[in-house]
């Protein structure tokens, strides 16, 4: 009987562990469904990074010393980008960029949606959802991100007190925006901004020059940097070539943004290149890519930013590398942009005579960028191996089967009166 009691206790312990594991699995499943991780493929990140940078330059950024900024009618009319994110409306490898902003000129809060037009090889605006706030004297408007098992949504609501008097749901299908006639079912939401004629409140962290926007921008930059499939030859350069490149990159950090294509004569080019505008301190070369025709794309870090680049040409002159283009604190380039850059700069009439032999040979990308964007794995999300619609039934069925088996074993143990 003693052994039988021991077995019973072991079965109790086993049942507890199984039930705990089931609960943890269901909780984890629920968490995944409540926090979808949409992300662009890496090559689109460079394009969307450019769009985001343009918006920041055009509108500015809404920020506050507190995580959730609050502006009253005594404050200036809010203007600037509040939040940006990726939403995979079509559930494929072409997700969309969504931008939430306050537009002082139109006195409205808005959501702009962008996609990448592969046929035109450029970003394209899909829709602008604008909501004037001056007419909301007694009501409160709110933008949210919405999702369920089927779709992603831009959600707009108007509240009378705590009750939503107006509900609108927007989505995108194959590059076209739609508004729902009937409210979709089981939509979870994440608030972005609340506003009225008297206040403007952010539901995302806009402290420290808009932390939420900075984090998202950094993700785009990282993904764009990782998208390059040209071979990195930094470790293959000899000491002399690396020292020459470091000297050129150091000068580039002090020169600031520059482009040889902006100048018509050699005198204008060399005079402009001699001016030190930025005053950044060069730290380290991180990557060197050979684009062909002795042209090199070099990424380097400074005391002000991690992502900076310069395009150099290997020459026979004493300095060894001619500066063609400089961009500081920028979005890294993709394969498509690098291929176009090699074609454009090879035609410049201001190029010095190229070196007879390359510092290191031209290293072509592993995939052909001429066909447009390269399909690469998503970088911020884990691939789903089981369809979302069958994961819950599978978990619950497994739980029921486990409990049934354990119960059967328990009955057997109690029903057996023989000594063990």
Protein backbone atom coordinates (compact mmCIF):
# COMPACT_ATOMS: atom_id res chain seq x y z
CA UNK A 1 0.00 0.00 0.00
CA UNK A 2 2.93 2.30 0.66
CA UNK A 3 4.06 2.10 -2.98
CA UNK A 4 0.51 2.70 -4.13
CA UNK A 5 0.36 5.95 -2.12
CA UNK A 6 3.66 7.03 -3.61
CA UNK A 7 2.34 6.41 -7.14
CA UNK A 8 -0.80 8.38 -6.36
CA UNK A 9 1.25 11.36 -5.18
CA UNK A 10 3.40 11.17 -8.28
CA UNK A 11 0.27 11.18 -10.44
CA UNK A 12 -1.02 14.28 -8.60
CA UNK A 13 2.28 16.02 -9.19
CA UNK A 14 2.25 14.99 -12.85
CA UNK A 15 -1.32 16.31 -13.28
CA UNK A 16 -0.37 19.65 -11.73
CA UNK A 17 2.65 20.03 -14.00
CA UNK A 18 0.63 19.17 -17.09
CA UNK A 19 -2.14 21.61 -16.23
CA UNK A 20 0.42 24.35 -15.51
CA UNK A 21 2.09 23.70 -18.87
CA UNK A 22 -1.29 23.89 -20.63
CA UNK A 23 -2.13 27.18 -18.91
CA UNK A 24 1.25 28.65 -19.82
CA UNK A 25 0.81 27.56 -23.45
CA UNK A 26 -2.67 29.10 -23.68
CA UNK A 27 -1.41 32.33 -22.05
CA UNK A 28 1.52 32.53 -24.46
CA UNK A 29 -0.83 31.92 -27.39
CA UNK A 30 -3.13 34.68 -26.18
CA UNK A 31 -0.16 37.06 -25.80
CA UNK A 32 0.98 36.40 -29.36
CA UNK A 33 -2.51 37.13 -30.67
CA UNK A 34 -2.73 40.33 -28.66
CA UNK A 35 0.64 41.68 -29.82
CA UNK A 36 1.12 41.00 -33.55
CA UNK A 37 4.65 41.68 -34.75
CA UNK A 38 4.41 43.05 -38.28
CA UNK A 39 7.64 43.97 -40.04
CA UNK A 40 8.80 44.87 -43.53
CA UNK A 41 11.23 42.76 -45.44
CA UNK A 42 14.68 44.22 -45.16
CA UNK A 43 14.84 45.88 -48.57
CA UNK A 44 11.57 47.77 -48.04
CA UNK A 45 12.97 49.07 -44.76
CA UNK A 46 15.38 51.30 -46.67
CA UNK A 47 12.50 52.74 -48.71
CA UNK A 48 10.23 53.27 -45.71
CA UNK A 49 13.12 54.76 -43.78
CA UNK A 50 13.41 57.38 -46.50
CA UNK A 51 9.68 58.16 -46.31
CA UNK A 52 9.85 58.46 -42.53
CA UNK A 53 12.86 60.76 -42.76
CA UNK A 54 11.00 62.98 -45.26
CA UNK A 55 8.03 63.27 -42.88
CA UNK A 56 10.29 64.22 -39.99
CA UNK A 57 11.92 66.93 -42.11
CA UNK A 58 8.56 68.20 -43.40
CA UNK A 59 6.39 68.06 -40.27
CA UNK A 60 8.83 67.75 -37.40
CA UNK A 61 8.25 65.47 -34.40
CA UNK A 62 5.75 65.78 -31.56
CA UNK A 63 7.58 65.28 -28.26
CA UNK A 64 7.17 66.14 -24.59
CA UNK A 65 9.13 65.81 -21.38
CA UNK A 66 6.55 63.27 -20.18
CA UNK A 67 6.01 59.85 -21.82
CA UNK A 68 2.46 60.87 -22.84
CA UNK A 69 2.43 64.44 -24.05
CA UNK A 70 -0.54 66.60 -23.10
CA UNK A 71 -1.35 69.86 -24.82
CA UNK A 72 -4.18 72.20 -23.81
CA UNK A 73 -5.80 75.15 -25.55
CA UNK A 74 -3.15 77.36 -23.93
CA UNK A 75 -0.40 75.54 -25.82
CA UNK A 76 0.65 75.96 -29.41
CA UNK A 77 -1.31 74.00 -32.01
CA UNK A 78 0.41 70.59 -32.19
CA UNK A 79 2.32 69.80 -35.36
CA UNK A 80 4.53 66.87 -36.20
CA UNK A 81 4.88 63.13 -36.46
CA UNK A 82 3.59 61.26 -33.40
CA UNK A 83 4.07 57.59 -34.22
CA UNK A 84 4.96 55.23 -37.08
CA UNK A 85 4.57 51.48 -37.46
CA UNK A 86 4.40 48.62 -39.93
CA UNK A 87 1.03 46.97 -40.61
CA UNK A 88 0.71 43.86 -42.72
CA UNK A 89 -2.79 44.47 -44.03
CA UNK A 90 -2.38 41.95 -46.89
CA UNK A 91 -0.57 39.35 -44.76
CA UNK A 92 2.27 38.96 -47.28
CA UNK A 93 5.83 40.21 -47.82
CA UNK A 94 4.67 43.72 -48.79
CA UNK A 95 3.55 45.29 -45.50
CA UNK A 96 2.58 48.95 -45.26
CA UNK A 97 4.02 51.95 -43.44
CA UNK A 98 1.49 53.85 -41.28
CA UNK A 99 2.23 57.33 -39.96
CA UNK A 100 0.21 59.16 -37.30
CA UNK A 101 0.65 62.93 -37.15
CA UNK A 102 -0.77 66.23 -36.01
CA UNK A 103 -1.16 68.66 -38.91
CA UNK A 104 -1.35 72.23 -37.61
CA UNK A 105 -2.04 73.71 -41.06
CA UNK A 106 -5.22 71.64 -41.41
CA UNK A 107 -5.97 71.54 -37.67
CA UNK A 108 -6.41 67.80 -37.78
CA UNK A 109 -5.01 64.50 -36.61
CA UNK A 110 -4.23 62.13 -39.46
CA UNK A 111 -3.05 58.68 -40.41
CA UNK A 112 -1.11 58.36 -43.68
CA UNK A 113 -0.59 54.91 -45.22
CA UNK A 114 2.27 54.12 -47.64
CA UNK A 115 3.27 51.12 -49.73
CA UNK A 116 6.05 50.27 -52.16
CA UNK A 117 5.09 50.31 -55.85
CA UNK A 118 7.29 47.68 -57.42
CA UNK A 119 6.33 48.65 -60.98
CA UNK A 120 7.44 52.26 -60.40
CA UNK A 121 10.29 51.30 -58.03
CA UNK A 122 9.28 53.93 -55.49
CA UNK A 123 7.07 54.43 -52.42
CA UNK A 124 3.43 55.33 -53.00
CA UNK A 125 0.87 56.91 -50.68
CA UNK A 126 -2.20 54.69 -50.32
CA UNK A 127 -4.47 56.92 -48.24
CA UNK A 128 -4.79 59.85 -45.85
CA UNK A 129 -7.32 59.49 -43.04
CA UNK A 130 -7.79 63.00 -41.61
CA UNK A 131 -9.94 63.96 -38.64
CA UNK A 132 -10.34 67.70 -37.80
CA UNK A 133 -10.25 68.28 -34.07
CA UNK A 134 -11.61 71.84 -33.83
CA UNK A 135 -15.15 70.53 -34.28
CA UNK A 136 -14.74 68.19 -31.30
CA UNK A 137 -15.75 70.67 -28.60
CA UNK A 138 -17.76 68.15 -26.56
CA UNK A 139 -16.43 64.93 -28.04
CA UNK A 140 -13.03 63.27 -28.07
CA UNK A 141 -11.48 61.62 -31.12
CA UNK A 142 -9.02 58.71 -30.97
CA UNK A 143 -6.85 56.77 -33.42
CA UNK A 144 -5.83 53.18 -32.65
CA UNK A 145 -4.15 50.22 -34.31
CA UNK A 146 -6.55 47.27 -34.56
CA UNK A 147 -6.20 43.58 -35.35
CA UNK A 148 -7.91 40.20 -35.20
CA UNK A 149 -7.19 36.79 -36.71
CA UNK A 150 -8.19 37.98 -40.18
CA UNK A 151 -6.97 41.54 -40.75
CA UNK A 152 -5.23 44.66 -39.51
CA UNK A 153 -7.16 47.91 -39.08
CA UNK A 154 -6.80 51.63 -38.50
CA UNK A 155 -9.51 52.41 -35.96
CA UNK A 156 -11.05 55.83 -35.39
CA UNK A 157 -13.57 56.50 -32.61
CA UNK A 158 -15.34 59.54 -31.20
CA UNK A 159 -16.21 59.38 -27.52
CA UNK A 160 -19.02 61.10 -25.66
CA UNK A 161 -17.66 60.71 -22.14
CA UNK A 162 -16.48 57.11 -21.94
CA UNK A 163 -18.92 55.79 -24.55
CA UNK A 164 -17.88 55.45 -28.20
CA UNK A 165 -20.55 57.23 -30.25
CA UNK A 166 -18.69 56.80 -33.58
CA UNK A 167 -16.70 53.77 -34.70
CA UNK A 168 -14.87 53.57 -38.01
CA UNK A 169 -12.58 50.80 -39.24
CA UNK A 170 -10.20 51.15 -42.19
CA UNK A 171 -8.02 48.56 -43.90
CA UNK A 172 -5.99 48.10 -47.08
CA UNK A 173 -6.45 45.36 -49.68
CA UNK A 174 -3.98 45.05 -52.56
CA UNK A 175 -2.89 48.66 -52.28
CA UNK A 176 -6.36 50.21 -51.96
CA UNK A 177 -7.86 51.60 -48.75
CA UNK A 178 -11.36 50.60 -47.64
CA UNK A 179 -13.75 51.64 -44.87
CA UNK A 180 -15.95 48.97 -43.29
CA UNK A 181 -19.73 49.36 -43.50
CA UNK A 182 -20.27 46.89 -40.67
CA UNK A 183 -17.97 46.73 -37.67
CA UNK A 184 -15.59 43.73 -37.84
CA UNK A 185 -15.73 41.22 -35.02
CA UNK A 186 -13.31 40.64 -32.14
CA UNK A 187 -10.95 43.52 -32.90
CA UNK A 188 -8.21 44.17 -30.35
CA UNK A 189 -6.82 47.71 -30.21
CA UNK A 190 -3.71 49.62 -29.18
CA UNK A 191 -4.34 53.34 -28.67
CA UNK A 192 -2.09 55.87 -30.44
CA UNK A 193 -3.51 59.39 -29.94
CA UNK A 194 -6.53 61.09 -28.33
CA UNK A 195 -7.53 64.63 -29.29
CA UNK A 196 -10.20 67.30 -29.13
CA UNK A 197 -10.46 71.05 -29.68
CA UNK A 198 -8.91 71.56 -26.24
CA UNK A 199 -6.31 68.81 -25.88
CA UNK A 200 -3.96 66.46 -27.69
CA UNK A 201 -2.77 63.38 -25.80
CA UNK A 202 -0.32 60.74 -27.02
CA UNK A 203 -0.82 57.12 -25.95
CA UNK A 204 2.74 56.20 -27.00
CA UNK A 205 5.99 57.30 -25.39
CA UNK A 206 6.94 60.68 -26.89
CA UNK A 207 9.45 61.64 -24.21
CA UNK A 208 13.14 62.14 -25.01
CA UNK A 209 12.41 63.54 -28.49
CA UNK A 210 9.71 60.88 -29.08
CA UNK A 211 11.20 57.62 -27.88
CA UNK A 212 8.63 55.42 -29.64
CA UNK A 213 9.46 56.98 -33.00
CA UNK A 214 13.21 56.71 -32.37
CA UNK A 215 12.95 53.00 -31.56
CA UNK A 216 10.96 52.33 -34.74
CA UNK A 217 13.35 54.38 -36.89
CA UNK A 218 16.32 52.44 -35.48
CA UNK A 219 14.62 49.16 -36.44
CA UNK A 220 14.19 50.39 -40.01
CA UNK A 221 17.85 51.45 -40.15
CA UNK A 222 19.04 48.11 -38.78
CA UNK A 223 16.90 46.17 -41.23
CA UNK A 224 18.06 48.31 -44.17
CA UNK A 225 21.70 47.81 -43.17
CA UNK A 226 21.21 44.05 -43.01
CA UNK A 227 19.54 43.96 -46.44
CA UNK A 228 22.78 44.45 -48.43
CA UNK A 229 23.82 41.26 -50.21
CA UNK A 230 27.02 42.65 -51.72
CA UNK A 231 30.07 41.03 -50.15
CA UNK A 232 31.58 42.95 -47.23
CA UNK A 233 35.33 43.14 -47.99
CA UNK A 234 36.39 45.16 -44.93
CA UNK A 235 38.33 42.22 -43.47
CA UNK A 236 40.07 41.55 -46.79
CA UNK A 237 41.66 45.00 -47.18
CA UNK A 238 45.36 45.29 -46.51
CA UNK A 239 46.67 47.72 -43.93
CA UNK A 240 47.54 50.44 -46.45
CA UNK A 241 44.11 50.44 -48.09
CA UNK A 242 42.27 50.41 -44.75
CA UNK A 243 44.34 53.34 -43.46
CA UNK A 244 43.58 55.29 -46.64
CA UNK A 245 39.86 54.57 -46.30
CA UNK A 246 39.89 55.57 -42.63
CA UNK A 247 41.54 58.88 -43.53
CA UNK A 248 38.92 59.48 -46.25
CA UNK A 249 36.06 58.56 -43.87
CA UNK A 250 37.49 60.87 -41.19
CA UNK A 251 37.45 63.77 -43.65
CA UNK A 252 33.92 62.80 -44.71
CA UNK A 253 32.73 62.99 -41.09
CA UNK A 254 34.01 66.56 -40.87
CA UNK A 255 32.69 67.56 -44.30
CA UNK A 256 29.08 66.50 -43.80
CA UNK A 257 26.49 65.71 -46.49
CA UNK A 258 28.03 66.03 -49.93
CA UNK A 259 27.44 64.87 -53.51
CA UNK A 260 29.79 65.22 -56.49
CA UNK A 261 26.77 65.23 -58.84
CA UNK A 262 25.84 68.67 -57.50
CA UNK A 263 28.87 70.27 -59.20
CA UNK A 264 29.71 70.98 -62.83
CA UNK A 265 33.41 71.82 -62.72
CA UNK A 266 36.39 70.30 -60.96
CA UNK A 267 37.16 73.64 -59.31
CA UNK A 268 33.66 73.87 -57.76
CA UNK A 269 33.85 70.26 -56.62
CA UNK A 270 37.26 70.52 -54.95
CA UNK A 271 36.43 73.87 -53.33
CA UNK A 272 33.20 72.50 -51.83
CA UNK A 273 34.92 69.33 -50.65
CA UNK A 274 37.53 71.35 -48.76
CA UNK A 275 34.89 73.00 -46.55
CA UNK A 276 34.40 71.38 -43.14
CA UNK A 277 30.70 71.83 -42.33
CA UNK A 278 29.74 69.16 -39.82
CA UNK A 279 32.58 68.69 -37.37
CA UNK A 280 31.66 65.10 -36.46
CA UNK A 281 34.34 62.84 -35.05
CA UNK A 282 35.05 59.66 -37.00
CA UNK A 283 35.11 56.46 -34.94
CA UNK A 284 35.19 53.29 -36.98
CA UNK A 285 34.59 51.78 -40.42
CA UNK A 286 32.06 48.99 -40.07
CA UNK A 287 31.57 47.79 -43.67
CA UNK A 288 33.15 48.15 -47.11
CA UNK A 289 31.34 47.01 -50.24
CA UNK A 290 32.77 46.97 -53.76
CA UNK A 291 30.14 48.15 -56.25
CA UNK A 292 32.24 47.77 -59.41
CA UNK A 293 34.24 50.21 -61.53
CA UNK A 294 36.52 50.90 -58.53
CA UNK A 295 33.60 52.45 -56.58
CA UNK A 296 33.19 51.56 -52.90
CA UNK A 297 30.32 52.01 -50.45
CA UNK A 298 31.74 52.51 -46.94
CA UNK A 299 29.65 52.59 -43.74
CA UNK A 300 31.19 54.18 -40.66
CA UNK A 301 30.26 55.47 -37.21
CA UNK A 302 30.85 58.89 -35.63
CA UNK A 303 30.38 60.44 -32.20
CA UNK A 304 26.90 61.56 -33.29
CA UNK A 305 25.45 58.56 -35.08
CA UNK A 306 26.04 54.91 -35.89
CA UNK A 307 24.79 54.99 -39.47
CA UNK A 308 26.82 57.15 -41.85
CA UNK A 309 28.17 56.32 -45.27
CA UNK A 310 30.45 57.58 -47.99
CA UNK A 311 30.99 56.50 -51.58
CA UNK A 312 34.61 56.56 -52.72
CA UNK A 313 36.47 55.80 -55.93
CA UNK A 314 39.86 54.12 -55.87
CA UNK A 315 42.28 56.35 -57.81
CA UNK A 316 45.98 56.68 -58.67
CA UNK A 317 46.29 59.94 -56.73
CA UNK A 318 48.25 60.13 -53.50
CA UNK A 319 45.10 60.15 -51.29
CA UNK A 320 44.04 56.90 -53.07
CA UNK A 321 40.26 57.48 -52.63
CA UNK A 322 38.14 60.20 -54.23
CA UNK A 323 35.00 61.27 -52.34
CA UNK A 324 31.81 61.00 -54.42
CA UNK A 325 29.03 61.14 -51.84
CA UNK A 326 28.66 61.58 -48.06
CA UNK A 327 25.59 61.08 -45.86
CA UNK A 328 25.68 61.41 -42.07
CA UNK A 329 23.06 60.11 -39.62
CA UNK A 330 21.16 58.50 -42.47
CA UNK A 331 19.24 55.46 -43.64
CA UNK A 332 21.62 52.78 -44.98
CA UNK A 333 21.23 51.91 -48.66
CA UNK A 334 19.73 48.76 -50.15
CA UNK A 335 21.02 46.65 -53.05
CA UNK A 336 18.70 48.39 -55.50
CA UNK A 337 20.01 51.81 -54.48
CA UNK A 338 23.64 50.65 -54.55
CA UNK A 339 23.33 49.31 -58.09
CA UNK A 340 21.78 52.58 -59.24
CA UNK A 341 24.48 54.53 -57.43
CA UNK A 342 27.29 52.69 -59.23
CA UNK A 343 25.62 53.42 -62.57
CA UNK A 344 25.08 57.12 -61.79
CA UNK A 345 28.50 57.91 -60.35
CA UNK A 346 30.43 56.00 -62.99
CA UNK A 347 29.14 58.58 -65.51
CA UNK A 348 30.34 61.66 -63.60
CA UNK A 349 32.74 63.80 -65.69
CA UNK A 350 34.56 64.85 -62.50
CA UNK A 351 35.98 61.43 -61.65
CA UNK A 352 39.71 61.18 -61.13
CA UNK A 353 41.57 58.57 -63.13
CA UNK A 354 40.86 55.23 -61.55
CA UNK A 355 43.53 52.98 -60.13
CA UNK A 356 44.96 50.29 -62.40
CA UNK A 357 44.06 47.57 -59.92
CA UNK A 358 41.31 47.46 -57.36
CA UNK A 359 41.98 47.53 -53.65
CA UNK A 360 39.86 44.42 -53.54
CA UNK A 361 37.89 42.96 -56.41
CA UNK A 362 34.28 43.77 -57.17
CA UNK A 363 32.00 41.58 -55.08
CA UNK A 364 28.58 41.15 -56.68
CA UNK A 365 25.46 40.70 -54.57
CA UNK A 366 24.30 37.16 -53.97
CA UNK A 367 20.96 37.96 -55.63
CA UNK A 368 20.27 40.13 -58.65
CA UNK A 369 18.95 43.52 -57.48
CA UNK A 370 17.99 44.52 -61.03
CA UNK A 371 14.74 42.57 -60.70
CA UNK A 372 13.53 45.01 -58.04
CA UNK A 373 13.23 44.31 -54.36
CA UNK A 374 14.73 41.11 -53.04
CA UNK A 375 12.44 38.91 -51.01
CA UNK A 376 14.11 38.33 -47.67
CA UNK A 377 12.82 36.88 -44.38
CA UNK A 378 11.04 39.15 -41.97
CA UNK A 379 13.51 40.33 -39.37
CA UNK A 380 11.37 41.22 -36.38
CA UNK A 381 8.81 38.38 -36.30
CA UNK A 382 8.91 34.62 -35.83
CA UNK A 383 7.38 32.62 -38.72
CA UNK A 384 4.08 30.95 -37.88
CA UNK A 385 4.09 27.20 -38.45
CA UNK A 386 0.45 26.63 -37.46
CA UNK A 387 -2.45 28.65 -38.81
CA UNK A 388 -3.75 31.12 -36.22
CA UNK A 389 -7.29 29.80 -36.60
CA UNK A 390 -6.37 26.24 -35.55
CA UNK A 391 -3.85 26.95 -32.77
CA UNK A 392 -6.39 27.43 -30.00
CA UNK A 393 -8.46 24.32 -30.91
CA UNK A 394 -5.22 22.33 -31.06
CA UNK A 395 -4.17 23.51 -27.60
CA UNK A 396 -7.58 22.81 -26.06
CA UNK A 397 -7.84 19.38 -27.72
CA UNK A 398 -4.40 18.45 -26.39
CA UNK A 399 -5.42 19.61 -22.92
CA UNK A 400 -8.61 17.54 -22.99
CA UNK A 401 -6.75 14.44 -24.19
CA UNK A 402 -4.12 14.83 -21.47
CA UNK A 403 -6.73 15.19 -18.72
CA UNK A 404 -8.66 12.17 -20.06
CA UNK A 405 -5.55 9.96 -20.02
CA UNK A 406 -4.52 11.08 -16.55
CA UNK A 407 -8.06 10.52 -15.22
CA UNK A 408 -8.12 7.01 -16.70
CA UNK A 409 -4.82 6.17 -15.04
CA UNK A 410 -6.08 7.59 -11.74
CA UNK A 411 -9.25 5.42 -11.87
CA UNK A 412 -7.15 2.38 -12.67
CA UNK A 413 -4.88 2.98 -9.67
CA UNK A 414 -7.83 3.43 -7.30
CA UNK A 415 -9.70 0.47 -8.73
CA UNK A 416 -6.84 -1.96 -8.29
CA UNK A 417 -7.01 -3.43 -4.72
CA UNK A 418 -4.11 -5.82 -5.16
CA UNK A 419 -0.97 -5.17 -3.17
CA UNK A 420 1.90 -3.73 -5.16
